[in-house]
Amino acid sequence: MMEKKQIVAQLLAAKKASGKIYDQLAKALGLCNVYVAQLFRLQVQLKKETEANLVTPVPGLTGNLLEVPK
């Protein structure tokens, strides 16, 4: 199993590759930008209803990153 630091690095790399900033992602998801930033740092739990919407603006998020126990 990957270390938390490795997972966070991959999550942030996927976000960067999407070209989106936290404000853009928050607006697309209807969420607060702070909450979205915490999602990418594994500081809050990703809800199933948010998961499907997050993959659209950040296509680099793979199933293994989304299924990490938080």
Protein backbone atom coordinates (compact mmCIF):
# COMPACT_ATOMS: atom_id res chain seq x y z
CA MET A 1 0.00 0.00 0.00
CA MET A 2 1.24 3.49 -0.83
CA GLU A 3 2.23 6.01 1.78
CA LYS A 4 -0.04 9.00 2.32
CA LYS A 5 2.67 11.34 0.97
CA GLN A 6 2.85 9.37 -2.28
CA ILE A 7 -0.91 9.40 -2.71
CA VAL A 8 -1.13 13.13 -2.02
CA ALA A 9 1.64 13.73 -4.57
CA GLN A 10 -0.30 11.75 -7.19
CA LEU A 11 -3.55 13.56 -6.37
CA LEU A 12 -1.85 16.95 -6.68
CA ALA A 13 -0.17 15.88 -9.93
CA ALA A 14 -3.58 14.91 -11.36
CA LYS A 15 -4.99 18.28 -10.32
CA LYS A 16 -2.06 20.11 -11.89
CA ALA A 17 -2.41 18.12 -15.12
CA SER A 18 -6.07 19.12 -15.29
CA GLY A 19 -5.03 22.78 -15.44
CA LYS A 20 -7.66 23.66 -12.85
CA ILE A 21 -7.18 25.63 -9.65
CA TYR A 22 -9.05 24.92 -6.44
CA ASP A 23 -11.52 27.75 -7.06
CA GLN A 24 -12.46 26.32 -10.47
CA LEU A 25 -12.87 22.82 -9.07
CA ALA A 26 -14.93 24.11 -6.13
CA LYS A 27 -17.25 26.00 -8.47
CA ALA A 28 -17.67 22.96 -10.74
CA LEU A 29 -18.48 20.76 -7.74
CA GLY A 30 -20.60 23.29 -5.85
CA LEU A 31 -18.24 23.07 -2.89
CA CYS A 32 -15.98 25.36 -0.89
CA ASN A 33 -12.44 25.73 -2.28
CA VAL A 34 -10.93 24.95 1.13
CA TYR A 35 -12.81 21.63 1.25
CA VAL A 36 -11.62 20.79 -2.28
CA ALA A 37 -8.02 21.57 -1.30
CA GLN A 38 -8.40 19.30 1.73
CA LEU A 39 -9.69 16.50 -0.52
CA PHE A 40 -6.47 16.59 -2.53
CA ARG A 41 -4.43 16.43 0.68
CA LEU A 42 -6.45 13.55 2.16
CA GLN A 43 -7.53 15.73 5.08
CA VAL A 44 -11.26 15.11 4.58
CA GLN A 45 -13.28 12.17 3.37
CA LEU A 46 -14.44 12.05 -0.24
CA LYS A 47 -18.16 11.44 -0.41
CA LYS A 48 -19.44 9.06 -3.09
CA GLU A 49 -21.67 11.72 -4.66
CA THR A 50 -18.68 14.06 -4.99
CA GLU A 51 -16.41 11.35 -6.39
CA ALA A 52 -18.25 11.02 -9.69
CA ASN A 53 -18.28 14.78 -10.21
CA LEU A 54 -14.59 15.16 -9.38
CA VAL A 55 -13.40 12.79 -12.10
CA THR A 56 -14.88 14.96 -14.86
CA PRO A 57 -12.78 18.09 -14.23
CA VAL A 58 -9.75 16.04 -13.10
CA PRO A 59 -9.61 13.07 -15.48
CA GLY A 60 -6.24 11.94 -14.11
CA LEU A 61 -7.90 10.68 -10.96
CA THR A 62 -7.88 6.94 -11.25
CA GLY A 63 -9.93 4.49 -9.26
CA ASN A 64 -7.01 3.49 -7.06
CA LEU A 65 -6.55 7.10 -5.92
CA LEU A 66 -10.24 7.54 -5.23
CA GLU A 67 -10.55 4.29 -3.30
CA VAL A 68 -7.79 5.05 -0.81
CA PRO A 69 -9.02 4.61 2.75
CA LYS A 70 -9.06 7.98 4.42
